[in-house]
C-alpha atoms as a PDB file:
ATOM      1  CA  UNK A   1       5.060  26.417 -16.276  1.00  0.00           C
ATOM      2  CA  UNK A   2       3.099  23.678 -14.838  1.00  0.00           C
ATOM      3  CA  UNK A   3       5.675  21.112 -15.761  1.00  0.00           C
ATOM      4  CA  UNK A   4       8.307  22.943 -14.007  1.00  0.00           C
ATOM      5  CA  UNK A   5       6.145  23.117 -10.825  1.00  0.00           C
ATOM      6  CA  UNK A   6       5.394  19.513 -11.106  1.00  0.00           C
ATOM      7  CA  UNK A   7       9.292  18.539 -11.150  1.00  0.00           C
ATOM      8  CA  UNK A   8       9.550  18.965  -7.437  1.00  0.00           C
ATOM      9  CA  UNK A   9       6.352  17.022  -6.905  1.00  0.00           C
ATOM     10  CA  UNK A  10       7.841  14.131  -8.900  1.00  0.00           C
ATOM     11  CA  UNK A  11      10.808  14.247  -7.023  1.00  0.00           C
ATOM     12  CA  UNK A  12       8.855  14.476  -3.611  1.00  0.00           C
ATOM     13  CA  UNK A  13       6.765  11.436  -4.530  1.00  0.00           C
ATOM     14  CA  UNK A  14       9.714   9.362  -5.728  1.00  0.00           C
ATOM     15  CA  UNK A  15      11.410   9.873  -2.338  1.00  0.00           C
ATOM     16  CA  UNK A  16       8.257   9.094  -0.426  1.00  0.00           C
ATOM     17  CA  UNK A  17       7.643   5.831  -2.080  1.00  0.00           C
ATOM     18  CA  UNK A  18      11.114   4.720  -1.859  1.00  0.00           C
ATOM     19  CA  UNK A  19      11.848   4.841  -5.559  1.00  0.00           C
ATOM     20  CA  UNK A  20      15.635   5.067  -5.107  1.00  0.00           C
ATOM     21  CA  UNK A  21      15.647   1.713  -3.214  1.00  0.00           C
ATOM     22  CA  UNK A  22      16.905  -1.680  -4.902  1.00  0.00           C
ATOM     23  CA  UNK A  23      15.496  -3.124  -8.011  1.00  0.00           C
ATOM     24  CA  UNK A  24      12.141  -5.098  -7.885  1.00  0.00           C
ATOM     25  CA  UNK A  25      12.077  -8.759  -7.568  1.00  0.00           C
ATOM     26  CA  UNK A  26      10.726 -10.583 -10.583  1.00  0.00           C
ATOM     27  CA  UNK A  27       7.983 -12.446  -8.998  1.00  0.00           C
ATOM     28  CA  UNK A  28       6.019  -9.158  -7.940  1.00  0.00           C
ATOM     29  CA  UNK A  29       3.959  -7.873 -10.891  1.00  0.00           C
ATOM     30  CA  UNK A  30       2.990  -4.207 -10.951  1.00  0.00           C
ATOM     31  CA  UNK A  31       0.053  -2.654 -12.798  1.00  0.00           C
ATOM     32  CA  UNK A  32      -2.372   0.372 -13.299  1.00  0.00           C
ATOM     33  CA  UNK A  33      -5.960   0.351 -12.001  1.00  0.00           C
ATOM     34  CA  UNK A  34      -8.846   2.431 -11.462  1.00  0.00           C
ATOM     35  CA  UNK A  35     -10.484   2.501  -8.228  1.00  0.00           C
ATOM     36  CA  UNK A  36     -14.452   3.351  -8.120  1.00  0.00           C
ATOM     37  CA  UNK A  37     -13.577   6.090  -5.412  1.00  0.00           C
ATOM     38  CA  UNK A  38     -11.725   8.222  -7.948  1.00  0.00           C
ATOM     39  CA  UNK A  39     -11.182   9.185 -11.551  1.00  0.00           C
ATOM     40  CA  UNK A  40      -7.259   9.340 -10.955  1.00  0.00           C
ATOM     41  CA  UNK A  41      -5.235   6.575 -11.808  1.00  0.00           C
ATOM     42  CA  UNK A  42      -4.312   4.057  -9.172  1.00  0.00           C
ATOM     43  CA  UNK A  43      -1.454   1.496  -8.872  1.00  0.00           C
ATOM     44  CA  UNK A  44      -1.395  -2.197  -7.901  1.00  0.00           C
ATOM     45  CA  UNK A  45       0.846  -5.147  -7.288  1.00  0.00           C
ATOM     46  CA  UNK A  46       0.404  -8.732  -6.728  1.00  0.00           C
ATOM     47  CA  UNK A  47       2.633 -11.810  -6.078  1.00  0.00           C
ATOM     48  CA  UNK A  48       2.249 -15.502  -4.970  1.00  0.00           C
ATOM     49  CA  UNK A  49       2.948 -16.152  -1.442  1.00  0.00           C
ATOM     50  CA  UNK A  50       4.050 -19.608  -0.705  1.00  0.00           C
ATOM     51  CA  UNK A  51       2.014 -19.288   2.651  1.00  0.00           C
ATOM     52  CA  UNK A  52      -1.641 -20.157   3.565  1.00  0.00           C
ATOM     53  CA  UNK A  53      -4.215 -17.348   3.123  1.00  0.00           C
ATOM     54  CA  UNK A  54      -4.710 -17.346   6.957  1.00  0.00           C
ATOM     55  CA  UNK A  55      -0.912 -16.599   7.914  1.00  0.00           C
ATOM     56  CA  UNK A  56      -0.929 -13.960   4.930  1.00  0.00           C
ATOM     57  CA  UNK A  57      -4.135 -12.368   6.320  1.00  0.00           C
ATOM     58  CA  UNK A  58      -2.604 -12.306   9.928  1.00  0.00           C
ATOM     59  CA  UNK A  59       0.364 -10.247   8.274  1.00  0.00           C
ATOM     60  CA  UNK A  60      -1.948  -7.879   6.476  1.00  0.00           C
ATOM     61  CA  UNK A  61      -4.195  -7.296   9.566  1.00  0.00           C
ATOM     62  CA  UNK A  62      -1.136  -6.634  11.706  1.00  0.00           C
ATOM     63  CA  UNK A  63      -1.651  -2.772  11.041  1.00  0.00           C
ATOM     64  CA  UNK A  64       0.805  -1.767  13.813  1.00  0.00           C
ATOM     65  CA  UNK A  65       3.743  -3.548  12.408  1.00  0.00           C
ATOM     66  CA  UNK A  66       3.496  -1.956   8.883  1.00  0.00           C
ATOM     67  CA  UNK A  67       6.325   0.176   9.528  1.00  0.00           C
ATOM     68  CA  UNK A  68       8.440  -2.889  10.316  1.00  0.00           C
ATOM     69  CA  UNK A  69       7.682  -4.567   7.159  1.00  0.00           C
ATOM     70  CA  UNK A  70       7.028  -1.790   4.569  1.00  0.00           C
ATOM     71  CA  UNK A  71       9.672   0.630   3.720  1.00  0.00           C
ATOM     72  CA  UNK A  72       9.792   3.627   3.651  1.00  0.00           C
ATOM     73  CA  UNK A  73       6.758   3.737   6.440  1.00  0.00           C
ATOM     74  CA  UNK A  74       8.243   5.380   9.612  1.00  0.00           C
ATOM     75  CA  UNK A  75       5.235   5.011  11.665  1.00  0.00           C
ATOM     76  CA  UNK A  76       2.252   2.815  11.994  1.00  0.00           C
ATOM     77  CA  UNK A  77       0.152   2.565  14.894  1.00  0.00           C
ATOM     78  CA  UNK A  78      -3.259   1.522  15.599  1.00  0.00           C
ATOM     79  CA  UNK A  79      -5.035   4.846  17.191  1.00  0.00           C
ATOM     80  CA  UNK A  80      -8.585   3.618  17.567  1.00  0.00           C
ATOM     81  CA  UNK A  81     -11.488   1.134  16.530  1.00  0.00           C
ATOM     82  CA  UNK A  82     -14.849   2.119  15.292  1.00  0.00           C
ATOM     83  CA  UNK A  83     -16.836  -1.134  15.590  1.00  0.00           C
ATOM     84  CA  UNK A  84     -15.205  -3.792  13.662  1.00  0.00           C
ATOM     85  CA  UNK A  85     -13.223  -1.117  11.642  1.00  0.00           C
ATOM     86  CA  UNK A  86      -9.561  -0.052  12.718  1.00  0.00           C
ATOM     87  CA  UNK A  87      -8.047   3.311  12.405  1.00  0.00           C
ATOM     88  CA  UNK A  88      -4.222   3.317  11.719  1.00  0.00           C
ATOM     89  CA  UNK A  89      -1.849   6.224  11.767  1.00  0.00           C
ATOM     90  CA  UNK A  90       0.747   5.987   8.823  1.00  0.00           C
ATOM     91  CA  UNK A  91       3.728   8.334   8.256  1.00  0.00           C
ATOM     92  CA  UNK A  92       6.353   8.257   5.376  1.00  0.00           C
ATOM     93  CA  UNK A  93       9.168  10.535   5.736  1.00  0.00           C
ATOM     94  CA  UNK A  94      10.089  12.783   2.667  1.00  0.00           C
ATOM     95  CA  UNK A  95      12.957  14.915   1.558  1.00  0.00           C
ATOM     96  CA  UNK A  96      15.290  13.254   3.808  1.00  0.00           C
ATOM     97  CA  UNK A  97      13.217  13.358   6.762  1.00  0.00           C
ATOM     98  CA  UNK A  98      12.531  17.344   6.456  1.00  0.00           C
ATOM     99  CA  UNK A  99       8.865  16.565   5.893  1.00  0.00           C
ATOM    100  CA  UNK A 100       6.210  13.966   6.175  1.00  0.00           C
ATOM    101  CA  UNK A 101       3.389  12.352   4.601  1.00  0.00           C
ATOM    102  CA  UNK A 102       0.876  11.233   7.119  1.00  0.00           C
ATOM    103  CA  UNK A 103      -2.715   9.762   7.362  1.00  0.00           C
ATOM    104  CA  UNK A 104      -5.183   8.232   9.742  1.00  0.00           C
ATOM    105  CA  UNK A 105      -6.450   5.298   7.858  1.00  0.00           C
ATOM    106  CA  UNK A 106      -9.602   3.343   8.451  1.00  0.00           C
ATOM    107  CA  UNK A 107      -9.400  -0.669   7.427  1.00  0.00           C
ATOM    108  CA  UNK A 108     -12.588  -2.145   7.014  1.00  0.00           C
ATOM    109  CA  UNK A 109     -12.879  -6.002   8.465  1.00  0.00           C
ATOM    110  CA  UNK A 110     -12.302  -8.522   5.714  1.00  0.00           C
ATOM    111  CA  UNK A 111     -15.099  -9.232   3.338  1.00  0.00           C
ATOM    112  CA  UNK A 112     -15.487 -12.407   0.967  1.00  0.00           C
ATOM    113  CA  UNK A 113     -16.537 -11.342  -2.651  1.00  0.00           C
ATOM    114  CA  UNK A 114     -16.388 -14.624  -4.508  1.00  0.00           C
ATOM    115  CA  UNK A 115     -13.281 -16.649  -3.693  1.00  0.00           C
ATOM    116  CA  UNK A 116     -11.363 -13.583  -2.908  1.00  0.00           C
ATOM    117  CA  UNK A 117     -11.013 -11.798   0.665  1.00  0.00           C
ATOM    118  CA  UNK A 118     -10.607  -7.958   0.555  1.00  0.00           C
ATOM    119  CA  UNK A 119      -9.495  -5.671   3.292  1.00  0.00           C
ATOM    120  CA  UNK A 120     -10.361  -2.189   2.260  1.00  0.00           C
ATOM    121  CA  UNK A 121      -9.027   1.138   3.786  1.00  0.00           C
ATOM    122  CA  UNK A 122      -9.685   4.913   3.040  1.00  0.00           C
ATOM    123  CA  UNK A 123      -8.169   7.974   4.665  1.00  0.00           C
ATOM    124  CA  UNK A 124     -10.312   9.672   7.534  1.00  0.00           C
ATOM    125  CA  UNK A 125      -7.706  12.610   7.879  1.00  0.00           C
ATOM    126  CA  UNK A 126      -4.356  13.684   6.648  1.00  0.00           C
ATOM    127  CA  UNK A 127      -2.246  15.921   4.724  1.00  0.00           C
ATOM    128  CA  UNK A 128      -2.986  14.353   1.348  1.00  0.00           C
ATOM    129  CA  UNK A 129      -6.210  14.997  -0.659  1.00  0.00           C
ATOM    130  CA  UNK A 130      -7.462  11.307  -0.971  1.00  0.00           C
ATOM    131  CA  UNK A 131      -5.988   7.806  -0.051  1.00  0.00           C
ATOM    132  CA  UNK A 132      -7.686   4.404  -0.709  1.00  0.00           C
ATOM    133  CA  UNK A 133      -6.281   0.651  -0.565  1.00  0.00           C
ATOM    134  CA  UNK A 134      -7.715  -2.631  -1.220  1.00  0.00           C
ATOM    135  CA  UNK A 135      -5.899  -5.739  -0.135  1.00  0.00           C
ATOM    136  CA  UNK A 136      -6.739  -8.938  -1.863  1.00  0.00           C
ATOM    137  CA  UNK A 137      -6.250 -12.375  -0.547  1.00  0.00           C
ATOM    138  CA  UNK A 138      -7.050 -15.454  -2.792  1.00  0.00           C
ATOM    139  CA  UNK A 139      -6.326 -19.238  -2.046  1.00  0.00           C
ATOM    140  CA  UNK A 140      -4.544 -20.996  -4.795  1.00  0.00           C
ATOM    141  CA  UNK A 141      -5.347 -24.845  -5.373  1.00  0.00           C
ATOM    142  CA  UNK A 142      -1.945 -25.597  -3.646  1.00  0.00           C
ATOM    143  CA  UNK A 143      -3.277 -23.457  -0.504  1.00  0.00           C
ATOM    144  CA  UNK A 144      -0.775 -20.676  -1.325  1.00  0.00           C
ATOM    145  CA  UNK A 145      -2.000 -17.109  -1.496  1.00  0.00           C
ATOM    146  CA  UNK A 146      -2.237 -14.611  -4.254  1.00  0.00           C
ATOM    147  CA  UNK A 147      -1.702 -11.327  -2.526  1.00  0.00           C
ATOM    148  CA  UNK A 148      -2.889  -8.196  -4.178  1.00  0.00           C
ATOM    149  CA  UNK A 149      -2.839  -4.333  -3.374  1.00  0.00           C
ATOM    150  CA  UNK A 150      -4.747  -1.849  -5.265  1.00  0.00           C
ATOM    151  CA  UNK A 151      -3.642   1.639  -3.872  1.00  0.00           C
ATOM    152  CA  UNK A 152      -4.552   5.323  -4.738  1.00  0.00           C
ATOM    153  CA  UNK A 153      -2.960   8.303  -3.126  1.00  0.00           C
ATOM    154  CA  UNK A 154      -3.677  11.840  -4.498  1.00  0.00           C
ATOM    155  CA  UNK A 155      -1.767  14.830  -3.090  1.00  0.00           C
ATOM    156  CA  UNK A 156      -3.284  18.239  -2.249  1.00  0.00           C
ATOM    157  CA  UNK A 157      -1.162  19.680  -4.949  1.00  0.00           C
ATOM    158  CA  UNK A 158      -1.454  19.121  -8.631  1.00  0.00           C
ATOM    159  CA  UNK A 159       0.437  16.065 -10.037  1.00  0.00           C
ATOM    160  CA  UNK A 160       0.085  14.578 -13.476  1.00  0.00           C
ATOM    161  CA  UNK A 161      -1.835  11.406 -13.823  1.00  0.00           C
ATOM    162  CA  UNK A 162       1.112   9.483 -15.325  1.00  0.00           C
ATOM    163  CA  UNK A 163       3.223  10.379 -12.325  1.00  0.00           C
ATOM    164  CA  UNK A 164       0.242   9.318  -9.732  1.00  0.00           C
ATOM    165  CA  UNK A 165       0.149   6.020 -11.519  1.00  0.00           C
ATOM    166  CA  UNK A 166       3.729   5.288 -11.621  1.00  0.00           C
ATOM    167  CA  UNK A 167       4.221   6.035  -7.761  1.00  0.00           C
ATOM    168  CA  UNK A 168       0.986   4.238  -6.795  1.00  0.00           C
ATOM    169  CA  UNK A 169       2.394   1.029  -8.611  1.00  0.00           C
ATOM    170  CA  UNK A 170       5.798   1.599  -6.882  1.00  0.00           C
ATOM    171  CA  UNK A 171       4.090   2.209  -3.477  1.00  0.00           C
ATOM    172  CA  UNK A 172       1.946  -1.045  -3.936  1.00  0.00           C
ATOM    173  CA  UNK A 173       4.998  -3.197  -5.004  1.00  0.00           C
ATOM    174  CA  UNK A 174       6.790  -2.049  -1.820  1.00  0.00           C
ATOM    175  CA  UNK A 175       3.909  -2.981   0.442  1.00  0.00           C
ATOM    176  CA  UNK A 176       3.197  -6.328  -1.525  1.00  0.00           C
ATOM    177  CA  UNK A 177       6.958  -7.351  -1.210  1.00  0.00           C
ATOM    178  CA  UNK A 178       7.339  -6.240   2.259  1.00  0.00           C
ATOM    179  CA  UNK A 179       4.212  -8.166   3.552  1.00  0.00           C
ATOM    180  CA  UNK A 180       5.087 -11.080   1.391  1.00  0.00           C
ATOM    181  CA  UNK A 181       8.549 -11.026   3.165  1.00  0.00           C
ATOM    182  CA  UNK A 182       7.028 -11.142   6.393  1.00  0.00           C
ATOM    183  CA  UNK A 183       4.520 -13.761   5.657  1.00  0.00           C
ATOM    184  CA  UNK A 184       7.230 -16.167   4.405  1.00  0.00           C
ATOM    185  CA  UNK A 185       9.491 -15.321   7.316  1.00  0.00           C
ATOM    186  CA  UNK A 186       6.638 -16.217   9.686  1.00  0.00           C
ATOM    187  CA  UNK A 187       5.972 -19.455   7.690  1.00  0.00           C
ATOM    188  CA  UNK A 188       9.624 -20.220   7.999  1.00  0.00           C
ATOM    189  CA  UNK A 189      10.171 -20.090   4.167  1.00  0.00           C
ATOM    190  CA  UNK A 190      12.526 -18.125   2.364  1.00  0.00           C
END
């Protein structure tokens, strides 16, 4: 019975993450990861971006334009500041617009850990149980950027870990692909 109840949830998550959209470019790698904030599986994606870390960071920090660069986001707008942290409203339509997943996410300022710059985010309110994200940017010897996102979203309804992991990997892939494309556009590349 639990499996039958989880099937509509699987469909809901697939639609929300844009799973029905085109195939993945071969230069974006997806992987499973565990974040310290949860025992549930998270997803990650990474890619090499042929642009400087400064340019790529400017794209990552352009929170209000996420809906322009990351599909299927419908809305993204900065709704407040708390010191050096930024609160962003994010919205994703599901079920052909009949419902929406939304969250206000607090982004921390970039921090340096070794040779990697990290921009962390966590949900402060929304209609999901939990949401965490970590953007990671690392300069390559050629002055390009390794861009990485580790992402966890846990709905308020029960969902199997295997589905959570798959959908989180796909959502991270869409975000990395979208922001990589915008960084290349700003850099004048392809």
